[in-house]
PDB file of N, CA and C in Angstrom:
ATOM      1  N   THR A   1     126.295  13.018  66.114  1.00  0.00           N
ATOM      2  CA  THR A   1     125.905  11.891  65.305  1.00  0.00           C
ATOM      3  C   THR A   1     127.158  11.105  64.948  1.00  0.00           C
ATOM      4  N   ALA A   2     126.998  10.035  64.206  1.00  0.00           N
ATOM      5  CA  ALA A   2     128.133   9.218  63.787  1.00  0.00           C
ATOM      6  C   ALA A   2     128.039   8.951  62.291  1.00  0.00           C
ATOM      7  N   VAL A   3     129.191   8.823  61.663  1.00  0.00           N
ATOM      8  CA  VAL A   3     129.263   8.509  60.245  1.00  0.00           C
ATOM      9  C   VAL A   3     130.179   7.297  60.081  1.00  0.00           C
ATOM     10  N   PRO A   4     130.015   6.555  58.984  1.00  0.00           N
ATOM     11  CA  PRO A   4     130.886   5.400  58.762  1.00  0.00           C
ATOM     12  C   PRO A   4     132.357   5.823  58.656  1.00  0.00           C
ATOM     13  N   ASP A   5     133.238   4.981  59.181  1.00  0.00           N
ATOM     14  CA  ASP A   5     134.675   5.226  59.127  1.00  0.00           C
ATOM     15  C   ASP A   5     135.367   3.924  58.771  1.00  0.00           C
ATOM     16  N   ALA A   6     136.181   3.950  57.726  1.00  0.00           N
ATOM     17  CA  ALA A   6     136.840   2.732  57.254  1.00  0.00           C
ATOM     18  C   ALA A   6     137.788   2.158  58.298  1.00  0.00           C
ATOM     19  N   LYS A   7     138.410   3.003  59.084  1.00  0.00           N
ATOM     20  CA  LYS A   7     139.409   2.555  60.052  1.00  0.00           C
ATOM     21  C   LYS A   7     138.789   1.983  61.328  1.00  0.00           C
ATOM     22  N   LYS A   8     137.802   2.697  61.890  1.00  0.00           N
ATOM     23  CA  LYS A   8     137.233   2.290  63.179  1.00  0.00           C
ATOM     24  C   LYS A   8     135.788   1.805  63.089  1.00  0.00           C
ATOM     25  N   GLY A   9     135.197   1.885  61.905  1.00  0.00           N
ATOM     26  CA  GLY A   9     133.820   1.454  61.740  1.00  0.00           C
ATOM     27  C   GLY A   9     132.841   2.599  61.838  1.00  0.00           C
ATOM     28  N   GLU A  10     133.090   3.497  62.794  1.00  0.00           N
ATOM     29  CA  GLU A  10     132.189   4.624  63.003  1.00  0.00           C
ATOM     30  C   GLU A  10     132.989   5.801  63.577  1.00  0.00           C
ATOM     31  N   LYS A  11     132.609   7.011  63.181  1.00  0.00           N
ATOM     32  CA  LYS A  11     133.302   8.210  63.631  1.00  0.00           C
ATOM     33  C   LYS A  11     132.275   9.196  64.191  1.00  0.00           C
ATOM     34  N   LEU A  12     132.526   9.696  65.385  1.00  0.00           N
ATOM     35  CA  LEU A  12     131.635  10.685  65.987  1.00  0.00           C
ATOM     36  C   LEU A  12     131.819  12.036  65.316  1.00  0.00           C
ATOM     37  N   VAL A  13     130.706  12.725  65.078  1.00  0.00           N
ATOM     38  CA  VAL A  13     130.727  14.033  64.447  1.00  0.00           C
ATOM     39  C   VAL A  13     129.822  14.962  65.234  1.00  0.00           C
ATOM     40  N   VAL A  14     130.309  16.166  65.494  1.00  0.00           N
ATOM     41  CA  VAL A  14     129.510  17.186  66.174  1.00  0.00           C
ATOM     42  C   VAL A  14     129.016  18.165  65.112  1.00  0.00           C
ATOM     43  N   VAL A  15     127.714  18.246  64.957  1.00  0.00           N
ATOM     44  CA  VAL A  15     127.105  19.206  64.043  1.00  0.00           C
ATOM     45  C   VAL A  15     126.518  20.295  64.929  1.00  0.00           C
ATOM     46  N   TYR A  16     126.932  21.539  64.699  1.00  0.00           N
ATOM     47  CA  TYR A  16     126.526  22.621  65.588  1.00  0.00           C
ATOM     48  C   TYR A  16     126.185  23.886  64.814  1.00  0.00           C
ATOM     49  N   THR A  17     125.486  24.798  65.491  1.00  0.00           N
ATOM     50  CA  THR A  17     125.122  26.097  64.924  1.00  0.00           C
ATOM     51  C   THR A  17     125.828  27.205  65.692  1.00  0.00           C
ATOM     52  N   ASP A  18     125.667  28.435  65.242  1.00  0.00           N
ATOM     53  CA  ASP A  18     126.271  29.597  65.910  1.00  0.00           C
ATOM     54  C   ASP A  18     125.903  29.673  67.385  1.00  0.00           C
ATOM     55  N   GLU A  19     124.677  29.289  67.727  1.00  0.00           N
ATOM     56  CA  GLU A  19     124.213  29.384  69.103  1.00  0.00           C
ATOM     57  C   GLU A  19     125.055  28.542  70.068  1.00  0.00           C
ATOM     58  N   ALA A  20     125.686  27.496  69.555  1.00  0.00           N
ATOM     59  CA  ALA A  20     126.499  26.615  70.407  1.00  0.00           C
ATOM     60  C   ALA A  20     127.858  27.222  70.725  1.00  0.00           C
ATOM     61  N   GLY A  21     128.288  28.208  69.959  1.00  0.00           N
ATOM     62  CA  GLY A  21     129.603  28.820  70.171  1.00  0.00           C
ATOM     63  C   GLY A  21     130.548  28.484  69.040  1.00  0.00           C
ATOM     64  N   GLU A  22     131.810  28.784  69.246  1.00  0.00           N
ATOM     65  CA  GLU A  22     132.844  28.528  68.248  1.00  0.00           C
ATOM     66  C   GLU A  22     133.391  27.107  68.397  1.00  0.00           C
ATOM     67  N   SER A  23     133.912  26.576  67.308  1.00  0.00           N
ATOM     68  CA  SER A  23     134.419  25.199  67.339  1.00  0.00           C
ATOM     69  C   SER A  23     135.565  25.034  68.339  1.00  0.00           C
ATOM     70  N   ALA A  24     136.420  26.036  68.465  1.00  0.00           N
ATOM     71  CA  ALA A  24     137.541  25.936  69.420  1.00  0.00           C
ATOM     72  C   ALA A  24     137.024  25.760  70.842  1.00  0.00           C
ATOM     73  N   GLU A  25     135.977  26.481  71.176  1.00  0.00           N
ATOM     74  CA  GLU A  25     135.396  26.369  72.520  1.00  0.00           C
ATOM     75  C   GLU A  25     134.736  25.004  72.716  1.00  0.00           C
ATOM     76  N   LEU A  26     134.037  24.518  71.695  1.00  0.00           N
ATOM     77  CA  LEU A  26     133.397  23.204  71.787  1.00  0.00           C
ATOM     78  C   LEU A  26     134.441  22.098  71.930  1.00  0.00           C
ATOM     79  N   LYS A  27     135.547  22.236  71.193  1.00  0.00           N
ATOM     80  CA  LYS A  27     136.631  21.251  71.302  1.00  0.00           C
ATOM     81  C   LYS A  27     137.247  21.282  72.698  1.00  0.00           C
ATOM     82  N   ARG A  28     137.440  22.477  73.248  1.00  0.00           N
ATOM     83  CA  ARG A  28     138.008  22.606  74.581  1.00  0.00           C
ATOM     84  C   ARG A  28     137.104  21.942  75.614  1.00  0.00           C
ATOM     85  N   ILE A  29     135.810  22.216  75.522  1.00  0.00           N
ATOM     86  CA  ILE A  29     134.844  21.617  76.451  1.00  0.00           C
ATOM     87  C   ILE A  29     134.880  20.096  76.347  1.00  0.00           C
ATOM     88  N   SER A  30     134.927  19.587  75.128  1.00  0.00           N
ATOM     89  CA  SER A  30     134.981  18.141  74.922  1.00  0.00           C
ATOM     90  C   SER A  30     136.245  17.543  75.528  1.00  0.00           C
ATOM     91  N   ASN A  31     137.374  18.194  75.312  1.00  0.00           N
ATOM     92  CA  ASN A  31     138.647  17.683  75.830  1.00  0.00           C
ATOM     93  C   ASN A  31     138.728  17.734  77.347  1.00  0.00           C
ATOM     94  N   GLU A  32     138.078  18.721  77.957  1.00  0.00           N
ATOM     95  CA  GLU A  32     138.129  18.864  79.410  1.00  0.00           C
ATOM     96  C   GLU A  32     137.049  18.069  80.131  1.00  0.00           C
ATOM     97  N   SER A  33     136.164  17.443  79.370  1.00  0.00           N
ATOM     98  CA  SER A  33     135.076  16.694  79.992  1.00  0.00           C
ATOM     99  C   SER A  33     135.591  15.373  80.569  1.00  0.00           C
ATOM    100  N   ASN A  34     134.731  14.724  81.325  1.00  0.00           N
ATOM    101  CA  ASN A  34     135.060  13.423  81.910  1.00  0.00           C
ATOM    102  C   ASN A  34     134.696  12.265  80.992  1.00  0.00           C
ATOM    103  N   LEU A  35     134.356  12.575  79.753  1.00  0.00           N
ATOM    104  CA  LEU A  35     133.994  11.526  78.809  1.00  0.00           C
ATOM    105  C   LEU A  35     135.200  10.661  78.480  1.00  0.00           C
ATOM    106  N   PRO A  36     134.980   9.366  78.280  1.00  0.00           N
ATOM    107  CA  PRO A  36     136.081   8.506  77.828  1.00  0.00           C
ATOM    108  C   PRO A  36     136.555   8.962  76.441  1.00  0.00           C
ATOM    109  N   ASN A  37     137.802   8.734  76.135  1.00  0.00           N
ATOM    110  CA  ASN A  37     138.354   9.138  74.836  1.00  0.00           C
ATOM    111  C   ASN A  37     137.551   8.591  73.668  1.00  0.00           C
ATOM    112  N   LEU A  38     137.004   7.409  73.827  1.00  0.00           N
ATOM    113  CA  LEU A  38     136.214   6.783  72.773  1.00  0.00           C
ATOM    114  C   LEU A  38     134.996   7.631  72.402  1.00  0.00           C
ATOM    115  N   TRP A  39     134.467   8.400  73.344  1.00  0.00           N
ATOM    116  CA  TRP A  39     133.268   9.208  73.127  1.00  0.00           C
ATOM    117  C   TRP A  39     133.573  10.654  72.759  1.00  0.00           C
ATOM    118  N   ARG A  40     134.836  10.987  72.616  1.00  0.00           N
ATOM    119  CA  ARG A  40     135.224  12.353  72.255  1.00  0.00           C
ATOM    120  C   ARG A  40     135.473  12.436  70.755  1.00  0.00           C
ATOM    121  N   PRO A  41     134.842  13.386  70.083  1.00  0.00           N
ATOM    122  CA  PRO A  41     135.070  13.531  68.642  1.00  0.00           C
ATOM    123  C   PRO A  41     136.482  14.057  68.365  1.00  0.00           C
ATOM    124  N   GLN A  42     137.014  13.693  67.221  1.00  0.00           N
ATOM    125  CA  GLN A  42     138.317  14.182  66.788  1.00  0.00           C
ATOM    126  C   GLN A  42     138.214  15.670  66.436  1.00  0.00           C
ATOM    127  N   PRO A  43     139.321  16.404  66.498  1.00  0.00           N
ATOM    128  CA  PRO A  43     139.283  17.850  66.205  1.00  0.00           C
ATOM    129  C   PRO A  43     138.722  18.198  64.820  1.00  0.00           C
ATOM    130  N   ASP A  44     138.870  17.300  63.836  1.00  0.00           N
ATOM    131  CA  ASP A  44     138.357  17.578  62.492  1.00  0.00           C
ATOM    132  C   ASP A  44     136.903  17.135  62.314  1.00  0.00           C
ATOM    133  N   SER A  45     136.245  16.755  63.395  1.00  0.00           N
ATOM    134  CA  SER A  45     134.885  16.223  63.322  1.00  0.00           C
ATOM    135  C   SER A  45     133.830  17.198  63.836  1.00  0.00           C
ATOM    136  N   PHE A  46     134.081  18.485  63.734  1.00  0.00           N
ATOM    137  CA  PHE A  46     133.129  19.513  64.146  1.00  0.00           C
ATOM    138  C   PHE A  46     132.653  20.242  62.894  1.00  0.00           C
ATOM    139  N   ILE A  47     131.343  20.187  62.645  1.00  0.00           N
ATOM    140  CA  ILE A  47     130.769  20.757  61.430  1.00  0.00           C
ATOM    141  C   ILE A  47     129.774  21.847  61.800  1.00  0.00           C
ATOM    142  N   LYS A  48     130.049  23.056  61.347  1.00  0.00           N
ATOM    143  CA  LYS A  48     129.154  24.184  61.613  1.00  0.00           C
ATOM    144  C   LYS A  48     128.120  24.279  60.487  1.00  0.00           C
ATOM    145  N   VAL A  49     126.855  24.390  60.870  1.00  0.00           N
ATOM    146  CA  VAL A  49     125.766  24.528  59.904  1.00  0.00           C
ATOM    147  C   VAL A  49     124.913  25.741  60.269  1.00  0.00           C
ATOM    148  N   ASP A  50     124.164  26.235  59.309  1.00  0.00           N
ATOM    149  CA  ASP A  50     123.275  27.375  59.562  1.00  0.00           C
ATOM    150  C   ASP A  50     122.103  26.980  60.450  1.00  0.00           C
ATOM    151  N   ALA A  51     121.570  25.773  60.213  1.00  0.00           N
ATOM    152  CA  ALA A  51     120.431  25.292  60.995  1.00  0.00           C
ATOM    153  C   ALA A  51     120.445  23.773  61.021  1.00  0.00           C
ATOM    154  N   LEU A  52     119.986  23.212  62.123  1.00  0.00           N
ATOM    155  CA  LEU A  52     119.869  21.762  62.238  1.00  0.00           C
ATOM    156  C   LEU A  52     118.605  21.317  61.516  1.00  0.00           C
ATOM    157  N   PRO A  53     118.633  20.149  60.860  1.00  0.00           N
ATOM    158  CA  PRO A  53     117.443  19.677  60.161  1.00  0.00           C
ATOM    159  C   PRO A  53     116.347  19.274  61.151  1.00  0.00           C
ATOM    160  N   LEU A  54     115.141  19.689  60.853  1.00  0.00           N
ATOM    161  CA  LEU A  54     113.997  19.382  61.706  1.00  0.00           C
ATOM    162  C   LEU A  54     112.929  18.642  60.918  1.00  0.00           C
ATOM    163  N   LEU A  55     112.170  17.815  61.620  1.00  0.00           N
ATOM    164  CA  LEU A  55     111.012  17.149  61.041  1.00  0.00           C
ATOM    165  C   LEU A  55     109.841  18.127  61.028  1.00  0.00           C
ATOM    166  N   GLY A  56     108.774  17.768  60.355  1.00  0.00           N
ATOM    167  CA  GLY A  56     107.578  18.596  60.332  1.00  0.00           C
ATOM    168  C   GLY A  56     107.012  18.842  61.719  1.00  0.00           C
ATOM    169  N   SER A  57     107.280  17.932  62.652  1.00  0.00           N
ATOM    170  CA  SER A  57     106.792  18.065  64.026  1.00  0.00           C
ATOM    171  C   SER A  57     107.647  19.025  64.851  1.00  0.00           C
ATOM    172  N   GLY A  58     108.782  19.465  64.274  1.00  0.00           N
ATOM    173  CA  GLY A  58     109.683  20.348  64.998  1.00  0.00           C
ATOM    174  C   GLY A  58     110.793  19.615  65.744  1.00  0.00           C
ATOM    175  N   LYS A  59     110.754  18.283  65.717  1.00  0.00           N
ATOM    176  CA  LYS A  59     111.800  17.492  66.371  1.00  0.00           C
ATOM    177  C   LYS A  59     113.020  17.397  65.460  1.00  0.00           C
ATOM    178  N   LEU A  60     114.161  17.109  66.063  1.00  0.00           N
ATOM    179  CA  LEU A  60     115.402  16.968  65.318  1.00  0.00           C
ATOM    180  C   LEU A  60     115.308  15.789  64.350  1.00  0.00           C
ATOM    181  N   ASP A  61     115.679  16.008  63.103  1.00  0.00           N
ATOM    182  CA  ASP A  61     115.682  14.968  62.073  1.00  0.00           C
ATOM    183  C   ASP A  61     117.015  14.233  62.142  1.00  0.00           C
ATOM    184  N   LEU A  62     117.053  13.124  62.855  1.00  0.00           N
ATOM    185  CA  LEU A  62     118.299  12.385  63.061  1.00  0.00           C
ATOM    186  C   LEU A  62     118.854  11.810  61.760  1.00  0.00           C
ATOM    187  N   ARG A  63     117.995  11.335  60.894  1.00  0.00           N
ATOM    188  CA  ARG A  63     118.438  10.801  59.600  1.00  0.00           C
ATOM    189  C   ARG A  63     119.025  11.931  58.758  1.00  0.00           C
ATOM    190  N   GLY A  64     118.354  13.063  58.730  1.00  0.00           N
ATOM    191  CA  GLY A  64     118.851  14.223  57.989  1.00  0.00           C
ATOM    192  C   GLY A  64     120.159  14.741  58.559  1.00  0.00           C
ATOM    193  N   LEU A  65     120.285  14.700  59.881  1.00  0.00           N
ATOM    194  CA  LEU A  65     121.506  15.137  60.545  1.00  0.00           C
ATOM    195  C   LEU A  65     122.683  14.253  60.138  1.00  0.00           C
ATOM    196  N   ARG A  66     122.447  12.961  60.118  1.00  0.00           N
ATOM    197  CA  ARG A  66     123.511  12.028  59.723  1.00  0.00           C
ATOM    198  C   ARG A  66     123.897  12.228  58.261  1.00  0.00           C
ATOM    199  N   GLN A  67     122.915  12.422  57.390  1.00  0.00           N
ATOM    200  CA  GLN A  67     123.206  12.656  55.976  1.00  0.00           C
ATOM    201  C   GLN A  67     124.001  13.939  55.786  1.00  0.00           C
ATOM    202  N   LEU A  68     123.640  14.961  56.536  1.00  0.00           N
ATOM    203  CA  LEU A  68     124.352  16.230  56.481  1.00  0.00           C
ATOM    204  C   LEU A  68     125.807  16.032  56.906  1.00  0.00           C
ATOM    205  N   ALA A  69     126.035  15.299  57.977  1.00  0.00           N
ATOM    206  CA  ALA A  69     127.385  15.019  58.462  1.00  0.00           C
ATOM    207  C   ALA A  69     128.176  14.183  57.459  1.00  0.00           C
ATOM    208  N   GLU A  70     127.543  13.177  56.880  1.00  0.00           N
ATOM    209  CA  GLU A  70     128.226  12.338  55.902  1.00  0.00           C
ATOM    210  C   GLU A  70     128.679  13.143  54.704  1.00  0.00           C
ATOM    211  N   SER A  71     127.835  14.041  54.210  1.00  0.00           N
ATOM    212  CA  SER A  71     128.213  14.834  53.041  1.00  0.00           C
ATOM    213  C   SER A  71     129.311  15.845  53.393  1.00  0.00           C
ATOM    214  N   ALA A  72     129.320  16.359  54.600  1.00  0.00           N
ATOM    215  CA  ALA A  72     130.351  17.323  55.009  1.00  0.00           C
ATOM    216  C   ALA A  72     131.698  16.643  55.236  1.00  0.00           C
ATOM    217  N   ILE A  73     131.699  15.421  55.743  1.00  0.00           N
ATOM    218  CA  ILE A  73     132.937  14.696  56.018  1.00  0.00           C
ATOM    219  C   ILE A  73     133.533  14.108  54.747  1.00  0.00           C
ATOM    220  N   ALA A  74     132.685  13.750  53.803  1.00  0.00           N
ATOM    221  CA  ALA A  74     133.162  13.099  52.551  1.00  0.00           C
ATOM    222  C   ALA A  74     134.055  13.972  51.722  1.00  0.00           C
TER     223      ALA A  74
END
């Protein structure tokens, strides 16, 4: 997801759970990917949570995810 950033306007944030692995491994995968630098999150932008927010339908709650990221980054 992305959160507001005073310097660049928007900052990419990775919100992940235990099932995704450790943050060091996720950072390594991101750095070794073919993604442009603009699409790679900064090392301090990885947030581990117990569970991702879901809607009543079972789909990912994107608004809740962004709010969770904003509160963790603030």
